[in-house]
Amino acid sequence: MAQPFDTSTKYLLARYPAQWLTTLLHRRIGDPVVPIESTLTMINRQPDQVLRIDAVEPWLVHVELQANPDPRLDQRMLEYNVLLAGQHSLDVESLVVLLRPVADRQGLTGLVRRKLPGDRQYLDFVYTIVRLWEEPVDTLLAGGLGTLPLAPLGAVLLSEVPTVVRAVGERLNREASGAEGDVLWLCTYILAGLRYAPETLLPMFEGVRAMQESATYQAIVREGEARGEARGEARGLVQGARLVLLRLGKARFGPPDARTRAALEAITDLERLEALAQQLDQAANWDELVKP
């Protein structure tokens, strides 16, 4: 099931692709980086993000974001790599970003080795694994604005999180415009919820910057997830996803009118809201995004 953090990570990766690659691959990507269509119709799946590096000899980077363990991750990464290379006739670098320790299943190495009977090896496929909780927090704090929301998920102790949150807020106050800063701040709050309990996070964020939207989101989470009620949880996740979509859409298109708000309020399917968030970069305005 889609989650609000899916929308946040995919939005940040699509909007700030060069910053993500430079920070997570630990090498500067000097050529233009462009998100491209990545639906693989032959297997009816869509990789999280595929980026085209427009160098003299162009190539692709496939980025997969994992918050939970997947026993088929090796196989999926191999399939995506081969199919994307065939679809675009370009070499493909594959990158997995593990967002929290629970996603790091035992034996995950980034190497897929295939052998025939008789121990005859016929394939070695290698992909890069970034364990976000091992990334130096100073590196994340010093990177671009687009990776700044990842800082609370870096190599930081619980006692250090308030200091990290303050550092994020200070940079956003200095460097981000009003709309962009609001969206990045909301993304920081939502992603931090992958690792830390809601009752722990809220005081940290309220102490740095006015966060009415995040406080609203916190109330939604408490109403649903934190109480562990199945119906409440579903309702809370839908409201959280709608809130994220409204904030990201406002940054791109401006405030929605009453008709658009009513249309969004009428959507109660979590996957539909997630799909709309992923279409933000392709739409020209609210009317085009929220079609009947």
C-alpha atoms as a PDB file:
ATOM      1  CA  MET A   1       0.000   0.000   0.000  1.00  0.00           C
ATOM      2  CA  ALA A   2       1.256   3.457  -0.869  1.00  0.00           C
ATOM      3  CA  GLN A   3       2.332   5.671   2.025  1.00  0.00           C
ATOM      4  CA  PRO A   4       2.739   9.452   2.395  1.00  0.00           C
ATOM      5  CA  PHE A   5       6.520   9.069   2.530  1.00  0.00           C
ATOM      6  CA  ASP A   6       6.404   7.491  -0.982  1.00  0.00           C
ATOM      7  CA  THR A   7       5.043  10.745  -2.332  1.00  0.00           C
ATOM      8  CA  SER A   8       7.684  12.793  -0.529  1.00  0.00           C
ATOM      9  CA  THR A   9      10.699  10.747  -1.638  1.00  0.00           C
ATOM     10  CA  LYS A  10       9.572  10.468  -5.256  1.00  0.00           C
ATOM     11  CA  TYR A  11       8.788  14.184  -5.397  1.00  0.00           C
ATOM     12  CA  LEU A  12      12.226  15.113  -4.056  1.00  0.00           C
ATOM     13  CA  LEU A  13      14.018  12.696  -6.379  1.00  0.00           C
ATOM     14  CA  ALA A  14      12.147  13.918  -9.463  1.00  0.00           C
ATOM     15  CA  ARG A  15      12.591  17.605  -8.601  1.00  0.00           C
ATOM     16  CA  TYR A  16      16.241  17.471  -7.445  1.00  0.00           C
ATOM     17  CA  PRO A  17      17.708  14.476  -9.344  1.00  0.00           C
ATOM     18  CA  ALA A  18      21.287  15.750  -9.732  1.00  0.00           C
ATOM     19  CA  GLN A  19      21.508  16.593  -6.018  1.00  0.00           C
ATOM     20  CA  TRP A  20      20.328  13.101  -5.046  1.00  0.00           C
ATOM     21  CA  LEU A  21      22.823  11.361  -7.316  1.00  0.00           C
ATOM     22  CA  THR A  22      25.716  13.570  -6.253  1.00  0.00           C
ATOM     23  CA  THR A  23      24.971  13.078  -2.546  1.00  0.00           C
ATOM     24  CA  LEU A  24      24.145   9.359  -2.554  1.00  0.00           C
ATOM     25  CA  LEU A  25      26.656   8.155  -5.138  1.00  0.00           C
ATOM     26  CA  HIS A  26      29.399  10.321  -3.621  1.00  0.00           C
ATOM     27  CA  ARG A  27      30.492  11.666  -6.972  1.00  0.00           C
ATOM     28  CA  ARG A  28      29.574  14.825  -8.817  1.00  0.00           C
ATOM     29  CA  ILE A  29      27.211  14.452 -11.752  1.00  0.00           C
ATOM     30  CA  GLY A  30      28.186  17.386 -13.968  1.00  0.00           C
ATOM     31  CA  ASP A  31      25.897  16.683 -16.912  1.00  0.00           C
ATOM     32  CA  PRO A  32      22.161  17.500 -17.013  1.00  0.00           C
ATOM     33  CA  VAL A  33      20.004  14.905 -15.235  1.00  0.00           C
ATOM     34  CA  VAL A  34      16.477  14.433 -16.574  1.00  0.00           C
ATOM     35  CA  PRO A  35      13.711  12.175 -15.168  1.00  0.00           C
ATOM     36  CA  ILE A  36      12.211  10.035 -17.926  1.00  0.00           C
ATOM     37  CA  GLU A  37       9.147   7.840 -18.394  1.00  0.00           C
ATOM     38  CA  SER A  38       9.853   4.514 -16.751  1.00  0.00           C
ATOM     39  CA  THR A  39       6.783   2.312 -17.132  1.00  0.00           C
ATOM     40  CA  LEU A  40       7.770  -1.214 -18.172  1.00  0.00           C
ATOM     41  CA  THR A  41       4.581  -2.426 -19.821  1.00  0.00           C
ATOM     42  CA  MET A  42       5.924  -5.926 -20.513  1.00  0.00           C
ATOM     43  CA  ILE A  43       6.016  -6.711 -16.776  1.00  0.00           C
ATOM     44  CA  ASN A  44       3.363  -4.176 -15.729  1.00  0.00           C
ATOM     45  CA  ARG A  45       5.657  -2.490 -13.223  1.00  0.00           C
ATOM     46  CA  GLN A  46       7.041   0.997 -12.767  1.00  0.00           C
ATOM     47  CA  PRO A  47      10.499   1.595 -11.254  1.00  0.00           C
ATOM     48  CA  ASP A  48      10.545   4.343  -8.653  1.00  0.00           C
ATOM     49  CA  GLN A  49      12.630   6.719 -10.785  1.00  0.00           C
ATOM     50  CA  VAL A  50      14.714   6.520 -13.940  1.00  0.00           C
ATOM     51  CA  LEU A  51      17.087   9.400 -14.686  1.00  0.00           C
ATOM     52  CA  ARG A  52      18.823  10.128 -17.972  1.00  0.00           C
ATOM     53  CA  ILE A  53      22.319  11.605 -17.745  1.00  0.00           C
ATOM     54  CA  ASP A  54      22.676  13.780 -20.837  1.00  0.00           C
ATOM     55  CA  ALA A  55      26.426  13.382 -21.297  1.00  0.00           C
ATOM     56  CA  VAL A  56      28.298  13.056 -24.598  1.00  0.00           C
ATOM     57  CA  GLU A  57      27.611   9.351 -24.167  1.00  0.00           C
ATOM     58  CA  PRO A  58      24.281   9.347 -22.286  1.00  0.00           C
ATOM     59  CA  TRP A  59      23.350   6.705 -19.719  1.00  0.00           C
ATOM     60  CA  LEU A  60      20.587   5.976 -17.227  1.00  0.00           C
ATOM     61  CA  VAL A  61      20.400   5.678 -13.458  1.00  0.00           C
ATOM     62  CA  HIS A  62      17.567   3.640 -11.997  1.00  0.00           C
ATOM     63  CA  VAL A  63      16.826   4.566  -8.362  1.00  0.00           C
ATOM     64  CA  GLU A  64      14.690   2.315  -6.194  1.00  0.00           C
ATOM     65  CA  LEU A  65      13.593   3.542  -2.738  1.00  0.00           C
ATOM     66  CA  GLN A  66      13.013   0.876  -0.081  1.00  0.00           C
ATOM     67  CA  ALA A  67      11.440   1.429   3.328  1.00  0.00           C
ATOM     68  CA  ASN A  68      10.602  -2.226   3.928  1.00  0.00           C
ATOM     69  CA  PRO A  69      12.360  -5.552   3.214  1.00  0.00           C
ATOM     70  CA  ASP A  70      11.705  -7.219  -0.127  1.00  0.00           C
ATOM     71  CA  PRO A  71      12.908 -10.806  -0.670  1.00  0.00           C
ATOM     72  CA  ARG A  72      12.692 -10.219  -4.450  1.00  0.00           C
ATOM     73  CA  LEU A  73      14.783  -7.066  -4.480  1.00  0.00           C
ATOM     74  CA  ASP A  74      17.780  -8.688  -6.207  1.00  0.00           C
ATOM     75  CA  GLN A  75      15.579 -10.149  -8.927  1.00  0.00           C
ATOM     76  CA  ARG A  76      13.617  -6.921  -9.402  1.00  0.00           C
ATOM     77  CA  MET A  77      16.776  -4.857  -9.785  1.00  0.00           C
ATOM     78  CA  LEU A  78      18.145  -7.301 -12.366  1.00  0.00           C
ATOM     79  CA  GLU A  79      14.865  -7.286 -14.309  1.00  0.00           C
ATOM     80  CA  TYR A  80      14.626  -3.493 -14.269  1.00  0.00           C
ATOM     81  CA  ASN A  81      18.220  -3.094 -15.404  1.00  0.00           C
ATOM     82  CA  VAL A  82      17.900  -5.446 -18.363  1.00  0.00           C
ATOM     83  CA  LEU A  83      14.488  -4.162 -19.462  1.00  0.00           C
ATOM     84  CA  LEU A  84      15.408  -0.478 -19.155  1.00  0.00           C
ATOM     85  CA  ALA A  85      18.615  -1.027 -21.115  1.00  0.00           C
ATOM     86  CA  GLY A  86      16.631  -2.754 -23.846  1.00  0.00           C
ATOM     87  CA  GLN A  87      13.844  -0.166 -23.874  1.00  0.00           C
ATOM     88  CA  HIS A  88      16.160   2.858 -24.123  1.00  0.00           C
ATOM     89  CA  SER A  89      19.252   1.300 -25.755  1.00  0.00           C
ATOM     90  CA  LEU A  90      21.436   2.822 -23.042  1.00  0.00           C
ATOM     91  CA  ASP A  91      23.634   1.498 -20.240  1.00  0.00           C
ATOM     92  CA  VAL A  92      21.922   1.537 -16.843  1.00  0.00           C
ATOM     93  CA  GLU A  93      23.402   2.073 -13.381  1.00  0.00           C
ATOM     94  CA  SER A  94      21.183   0.676 -10.632  1.00  0.00           C
ATOM     95  CA  LEU A  95      20.889   2.241  -7.175  1.00  0.00           C
ATOM     96  CA  VAL A  96      18.866   1.111  -4.156  1.00  0.00           C
ATOM     97  CA  VAL A  97      18.324   3.578  -1.305  1.00  0.00           C
ATOM     98  CA  LEU A  98      17.376   1.814   1.928  1.00  0.00           C
ATOM     99  CA  LEU A  99      15.501   4.407   3.955  1.00  0.00           C
ATOM    100  CA  ARG A 100      15.596   2.640   7.327  1.00  0.00           C
ATOM    101  CA  PRO A 101      17.314  -0.391   8.908  1.00  0.00           C
ATOM    102  CA  VAL A 102      14.252  -2.642   8.731  1.00  0.00           C
ATOM    103  CA  ALA A 103      14.576  -2.580   4.928  1.00  0.00           C
ATOM    104  CA  ASP A 104      18.041  -4.156   5.102  1.00  0.00           C
ATOM    105  CA  ARG A 105      17.235  -7.865   4.869  1.00  0.00           C
ATOM    106  CA  GLN A 106      19.909 -10.386   5.746  1.00  0.00           C
ATOM    107  CA  GLY A 107      22.455 -11.107   3.044  1.00  0.00           C
ATOM    108  CA  LEU A 108      21.717  -8.064   0.887  1.00  0.00           C
ATOM    109  CA  THR A 109      24.992  -7.321  -0.920  1.00  0.00           C
ATOM    110  CA  GLY A 110      24.117  -5.702  -4.248  1.00  0.00           C
ATOM    111  CA  LEU A 111      25.566  -8.686  -6.138  1.00  0.00           C
ATOM    112  CA  VAL A 112      23.349 -11.030  -8.152  1.00  0.00           C
ATOM    113  CA  ARG A 113      25.285 -14.108  -9.304  1.00  0.00           C
ATOM    114  CA  ARG A 114      23.768 -16.776 -11.511  1.00  0.00           C
ATOM    115  CA  LYS A 115      25.280 -20.226 -12.130  1.00  0.00           C
ATOM    116  CA  LEU A 116      24.387 -23.201 -14.293  1.00  0.00           C
ATOM    117  CA  PRO A 117      24.571 -26.814 -13.074  1.00  0.00           C
ATOM    118  CA  GLY A 118      28.162 -27.803 -12.507  1.00  0.00           C
ATOM    119  CA  ASP A 119      28.945 -24.421 -10.930  1.00  0.00           C
ATOM    120  CA  ARG A 120      29.286 -22.742 -14.323  1.00  0.00           C
ATOM    121  CA  GLN A 121      28.852 -19.033 -13.678  1.00  0.00           C
ATOM    122  CA  TYR A 122      27.108 -17.121 -16.451  1.00  0.00           C
ATOM    123  CA  LEU A 123      26.030 -13.810 -14.898  1.00  0.00           C
ATOM    124  CA  ASP A 124      27.271 -11.210 -12.421  1.00  0.00           C
ATOM    125  CA  PHE A 125      25.021  -8.200 -11.912  1.00  0.00           C
ATOM    126  CA  VAL A 126      26.034  -5.460  -9.472  1.00  0.00           C
ATOM    127  CA  TYR A 127      23.921  -2.634  -8.092  1.00  0.00           C
ATOM    128  CA  THR A 128      24.758   0.040  -5.533  1.00  0.00           C
ATOM    129  CA  ILE A 129      23.168  -0.020  -2.086  1.00  0.00           C
ATOM    130  CA  VAL A 130      22.951   3.152   0.013  1.00  0.00           C
ATOM    131  CA  ARG A 131      22.010   2.508   3.625  1.00  0.00           C
ATOM    132  CA  LEU A 132      20.759   5.932   4.558  1.00  0.00           C
ATOM    133  CA  TRP A 133      21.307   5.462   8.300  1.00  0.00           C
ATOM    134  CA  GLU A 134      25.031   5.004   7.575  1.00  0.00           C
ATOM    135  CA  GLU A 135      25.370   8.246   5.606  1.00  0.00           C
ATOM    136  CA  PRO A 136      27.247  10.962   7.556  1.00  0.00           C
ATOM    137  CA  VAL A 137      24.695  13.480   8.715  1.00  0.00           C
ATOM    138  CA  ASP A 138      27.133  16.348   8.074  1.00  0.00           C
ATOM    139  CA  THR A 139      27.237  15.352   4.403  1.00  0.00           C
ATOM    140  CA  LEU A 140      23.435  15.376   4.169  1.00  0.00           C
ATOM    141  CA  LEU A 141      23.209  18.723   5.944  1.00  0.00           C
ATOM    142  CA  ALA A 142      25.827  20.259   3.640  1.00  0.00           C
ATOM    143  CA  GLY A 143      24.305  18.928   0.409  1.00  0.00           C
ATOM    144  CA  GLY A 144      21.653  20.473  -1.809  1.00  0.00           C
ATOM    145  CA  LEU A 145      18.230  21.508  -0.558  1.00  0.00           C
ATOM    146  CA  GLY A 146      16.717  18.520  -2.327  1.00  0.00           C
ATOM    147  CA  THR A 147      18.503  16.009  -0.076  1.00  0.00           C
ATOM    148  CA  LEU A 148      18.241  18.071   3.107  1.00  0.00           C
ATOM    149  CA  PRO A 149      15.017  16.286   4.194  1.00  0.00           C
ATOM    150  CA  LEU A 150      17.042  13.056   4.385  1.00  0.00           C
ATOM    151  CA  ALA A 151      19.274  14.391   7.170  1.00  0.00           C
ATOM    152  CA  PRO A 152      17.218  13.049  10.139  1.00  0.00           C
ATOM    153  CA  LEU A 153      17.492   9.578   8.552  1.00  0.00           C
ATOM    154  CA  GLY A 154      21.296   9.711   8.370  1.00  0.00           C
ATOM    155  CA  ALA A 155      23.876   8.473  10.892  1.00  0.00           C
ATOM    156  CA  VAL A 156      22.438  10.300  13.877  1.00  0.00           C
ATOM    157  CA  LEU A 157      21.595   9.286  17.440  1.00  0.00           C
ATOM    158  CA  LEU A 158      18.140   9.997  18.832  1.00  0.00           C
ATOM    159  CA  SER A 159      19.647  12.551  21.225  1.00  0.00           C
ATOM    160  CA  GLU A 160      21.152  14.390  18.231  1.00  0.00           C
ATOM    161  CA  VAL A 161      17.955  14.582  16.170  1.00  0.00           C
ATOM    162  CA  PRO A 162      16.759  17.934  17.631  1.00  0.00           C
ATOM    163  CA  THR A 163      20.080  19.514  16.629  1.00  0.00           C
ATOM    164  CA  VAL A 164      19.802  18.064  13.122  1.00  0.00           C
ATOM    165  CA  VAL A 165      16.204  19.281  12.775  1.00  0.00           C
ATOM    166  CA  ARG A 166      17.243  22.785  13.842  1.00  0.00           C
ATOM    167  CA  ALA A 167      20.073  22.743  11.285  1.00  0.00           C
ATOM    168  CA  VAL A 168      17.617  21.736   8.538  1.00  0.00           C
ATOM    169  CA  GLY A 169      15.224  24.498   9.558  1.00  0.00           C
ATOM    170  CA  GLU A 170      17.963  27.119   9.612  1.00  0.00           C
ATOM    171  CA  ARG A 171      19.113  26.244   6.090  1.00  0.00           C
ATOM    172  CA  LEU A 172      15.571  26.269   4.738  1.00  0.00           C
ATOM    173  CA  ASN A 173      14.898  29.636   6.373  1.00  0.00           C
ATOM    174  CA  ARG A 174      18.034  31.069   4.761  1.00  0.00           C
ATOM    175  CA  GLU A 175      17.995  29.482   1.336  1.00  0.00           C
ATOM    176  CA  ALA A 176      14.520  28.304   0.342  1.00  0.00           C
ATOM    177  CA  SER A 177      11.696  30.456  -0.990  1.00  0.00           C
ATOM    178  CA  GLY A 178       8.429  30.426   0.913  1.00  0.00           C
ATOM    179  CA  ALA A 179       6.635  27.745  -1.110  1.00  0.00           C
ATOM    180  CA  GLU A 180       9.714  25.608  -1.662  1.00  0.00           C
ATOM    181  CA  GLY A 181      10.710  25.873   1.984  1.00  0.00           C
ATOM    182  CA  ASP A 182       7.249  24.807   3.145  1.00  0.00           C
ATOM    183  CA  VAL A 183       7.292  21.730   0.910  1.00  0.00           C
ATOM    184  CA  LEU A 184      10.833  20.722   1.905  1.00  0.00           C
ATOM    185  CA  TRP A 185      10.015  21.222   5.570  1.00  0.00           C
ATOM    186  CA  LEU A 186       6.906  19.057   5.269  1.00  0.00           C
ATOM    187  CA  CYS A 187       8.916  16.364   3.446  1.00  0.00           C
ATOM    188  CA  THR A 188      11.504  16.452   6.248  1.00  0.00           C
ATOM    189  CA  TYR A 189       8.808  15.916   8.840  1.00  0.00           C
ATOM    190  CA  ILE A 190       7.124  13.067   6.970  1.00  0.00           C
ATOM    191  CA  LEU A 191      10.388  11.236   6.214  1.00  0.00           C
ATOM    192  CA  ALA A 192      11.575  11.568   9.818  1.00  0.00           C
ATOM    193  CA  GLY A 193       8.428   9.655  10.747  1.00  0.00           C
ATOM    194  CA  LEU A 194       9.961   6.581   9.108  1.00  0.00           C
ATOM    195  CA  ARG A 195      12.324   6.238  12.048  1.00  0.00           C
ATOM    196  CA  TYR A 196      10.959   8.231  14.969  1.00  0.00           C
ATOM    197  CA  ALA A 197       7.660   8.107  16.855  1.00  0.00           C
ATOM    198  CA  PRO A 198       5.169  10.929  16.192  1.00  0.00           C
ATOM    199  CA  GLU A 199       5.102  12.040  19.834  1.00  0.00           C
ATOM    200  CA  THR A 200       8.895  12.425  19.682  1.00  0.00           C
ATOM    201  CA  LEU A 201       8.950  14.383  16.429  1.00  0.00           C
ATOM    202  CA  LEU A 202       6.304  17.010  16.971  1.00  0.00           C
ATOM    203  CA  PRO A 203       8.090  18.977  19.743  1.00  0.00           C
ATOM    204  CA  MET A 204      11.305  19.011  17.698  1.00  0.00           C
ATOM    205  CA  PHE A 205       9.629  20.532  14.653  1.00  0.00           C
ATOM    206  CA  GLU A 206       7.380  22.948  16.496  1.00  0.00           C
ATOM    207  CA  GLY A 207      10.414  24.347  18.234  1.00  0.00           C
ATOM    208  CA  VAL A 208      12.117  25.340  14.970  1.00  0.00           C
ATOM    209  CA  ARG A 209       9.532  26.821  12.641  1.00  0.00           C
ATOM    210  CA  ALA A 210       5.773  27.362  12.474  1.00  0.00           C
ATOM    211  CA  MET A 211       4.465  24.106  11.065  1.00  0.00           C
ATOM    212  CA  GLN A 212       0.684  24.236  10.933  1.00  0.00           C
ATOM    213  CA  GLU A 213       0.524  21.708   8.116  1.00  0.00           C
ATOM    214  CA  SER A 214       2.804  19.300   9.912  1.00  0.00           C
ATOM    215  CA  ALA A 215       0.869  19.696  13.125  1.00  0.00           C
ATOM    216  CA  THR A 216      -2.252  18.824  11.169  1.00  0.00           C
ATOM    217  CA  TYR A 217      -0.509  15.804   9.733  1.00  0.00           C
ATOM    218  CA  GLN A 218       0.553  14.789  13.238  1.00  0.00           C
ATOM    219  CA  ALA A 219      -3.048  14.925  14.383  1.00  0.00           C
ATOM    220  CA  ILE A 220      -4.023  12.715  11.443  1.00  0.00           C
ATOM    221  CA  VAL A 221      -1.366  10.160  12.332  1.00  0.00           C
ATOM    222  CA  ARG A 222      -2.445  10.097  15.984  1.00  0.00           C
ATOM    223  CA  GLU A 223      -6.038   9.620  14.937  1.00  0.00           C
ATOM    224  CA  GLY A 224      -5.159   6.628  12.798  1.00  0.00           C
ATOM    225  CA  GLU A 225      -1.804   4.894  12.905  1.00  0.00           C
ATOM    226  CA  ALA A 226      -0.780   5.652  16.479  1.00  0.00           C
ATOM    227  CA  ARG A 227      -4.019   4.215  17.860  1.00  0.00           C
ATOM    228  CA  GLY A 228      -3.558   1.092  15.746  1.00  0.00           C
ATOM    229  CA  GLU A 229      -7.202   1.005  14.611  1.00  0.00           C
ATOM    230  CA  ALA A 230      -7.591  -0.471  11.143  1.00  0.00           C
ATOM    231  CA  ARG A 231     -10.307   1.935  10.022  1.00  0.00           C
ATOM    232  CA  GLY A 232      -8.629   4.887  11.688  1.00  0.00           C
ATOM    233  CA  GLU A 233      -5.277   4.003  10.157  1.00  0.00           C
ATOM    234  CA  ALA A 234      -6.692   3.865   6.637  1.00  0.00           C
ATOM    235  CA  ARG A 235      -8.487   7.170   7.141  1.00  0.00           C
ATOM    236  CA  GLY A 236      -5.364   8.762   8.562  1.00  0.00           C
ATOM    237  CA  LEU A 237      -3.152   7.624   5.688  1.00  0.00           C
ATOM    238  CA  VAL A 238      -5.624   8.940   3.101  1.00  0.00           C
ATOM    239  CA  GLN A 239      -5.784  12.324   4.808  1.00  0.00           C
ATOM    240  CA  GLY A 240      -2.002  12.411   5.117  1.00  0.00           C
ATOM    241  CA  ALA A 241      -1.545  11.623   1.417  1.00  0.00           C
ATOM    242  CA  ARG A 242      -4.104  14.295   0.490  1.00  0.00           C
ATOM    243  CA  LEU A 243      -2.297  16.858   2.634  1.00  0.00           C
ATOM    244  CA  VAL A 244       1.042  16.081   0.980  1.00  0.00           C
ATOM    245  CA  LEU A 245      -0.533  16.328  -2.485  1.00  0.00           C
ATOM    246  CA  LEU A 246      -2.084  19.701  -1.641  1.00  0.00           C
ATOM    247  CA  ARG A 247       1.204  21.128  -0.367  1.00  0.00           C
ATOM    248  CA  LEU A 248       3.271  19.860  -3.300  1.00  0.00           C
ATOM    249  CA  GLY A 249       0.617  20.951  -5.786  1.00  0.00           C
ATOM    250  CA  LYS A 250       0.387  24.404  -4.236  1.00  0.00           C
ATOM    251  CA  ALA A 251       4.136  24.856  -4.700  1.00  0.00           C
ATOM    252  CA  ARG A 252       3.809  23.977  -8.400  1.00  0.00           C
ATOM    253  CA  PHE A 253       0.426  25.416  -9.458  1.00  0.00           C
ATOM    254  CA  GLY A 254      -0.509  27.873  -6.732  1.00  0.00           C
ATOM    255  CA  PRO A 255      -3.442  27.518  -4.308  1.00  0.00           C
ATOM    256  CA  PRO A 256      -6.246  25.228  -5.551  1.00  0.00           C
ATOM    257  CA  ASP A 257      -9.695  26.729  -6.031  1.00  0.00           C
ATOM    258  CA  ALA A 258     -12.777  25.499  -4.206  1.00  0.00           C
ATOM    259  CA  ARG A 259     -13.763  23.123  -7.026  1.00  0.00           C
ATOM    260  CA  THR A 260     -10.333  21.468  -7.028  1.00  0.00           C
ATOM    261  CA  ARG A 261     -10.327  21.123  -3.255  1.00  0.00           C
ATOM    262  CA  ALA A 262     -13.758  19.495  -3.395  1.00  0.00           C
ATOM    263  CA  ALA A 263     -12.545  17.073  -6.070  1.00  0.00           C
ATOM    264  CA  LEU A 264      -9.535  16.099  -3.943  1.00  0.00           C
ATOM    265  CA  GLU A 265     -11.645  15.695  -0.823  1.00  0.00           C
ATOM    266  CA  ALA A 266     -13.888  13.325  -2.777  1.00  0.00           C
ATOM    267  CA  ILE A 267     -10.948  10.981  -3.476  1.00  0.00           C
ATOM    268  CA  THR A 268     -10.780   8.360  -0.743  1.00  0.00           C
ATOM    269  CA  ASP A 269      -8.544   5.854  -2.517  1.00  0.00           C
ATOM    270  CA  LEU A 270      -4.959   6.032  -1.251  1.00  0.00           C
ATOM    271  CA  GLU A 271      -3.425   4.654  -4.450  1.00  0.00           C
ATOM    272  CA  ARG A 272      -5.296   7.246  -6.532  1.00  0.00           C
ATOM    273  CA  LEU A 273      -3.845  10.081  -4.414  1.00  0.00           C
ATOM    274  CA  GLU A 274      -0.370   8.552  -4.723  1.00  0.00           C
ATOM    275  CA  ALA A 275      -0.765   8.343  -8.519  1.00  0.00           C
ATOM    276  CA  LEU A 276      -1.784  12.016  -8.691  1.00  0.00           C
ATOM    277  CA  ALA A 277       1.293  13.025  -6.690  1.00  0.00           C
ATOM    278  CA  GLN A 278       3.510  11.155  -9.129  1.00  0.00           C
ATOM    279  CA  GLN A 279       1.877  13.014 -12.037  1.00  0.00           C
ATOM    280  CA  LEU A 280       2.592  16.488 -10.633  1.00  0.00           C
ATOM    281  CA  ASP A 281       5.609  17.099 -12.878  1.00  0.00           C
ATOM    282  CA  GLN A 282       3.666  16.162 -16.017  1.00  0.00           C
ATOM    283  CA  ALA A 283       0.601  18.323 -15.349  1.00  0.00           C
ATOM    284  CA  ALA A 284       0.411  21.990 -16.331  1.00  0.00           C
ATOM    285  CA  ASN A 285      -2.206  23.042 -13.753  1.00  0.00           C
ATOM    286  CA  TRP A 286      -4.662  21.748 -11.171  1.00  0.00           C
ATOM    287  CA  ASP A 287      -7.398  21.133 -13.785  1.00  0.00           C
ATOM    288  CA  GLU A 288      -5.110  18.907 -15.823  1.00  0.00           C
ATOM    289  CA  LEU A 289      -3.988  16.999 -12.744  1.00  0.00           C
ATOM    290  CA  VAL A 290      -7.404  16.405 -11.200  1.00  0.00           C
ATOM    291  CA  LYS A 291      -9.345  15.194 -14.214  1.00  0.00           C
ATOM    292  CA  PRO A 292     -12.900  13.926 -13.821  1.00  0.00           C
END
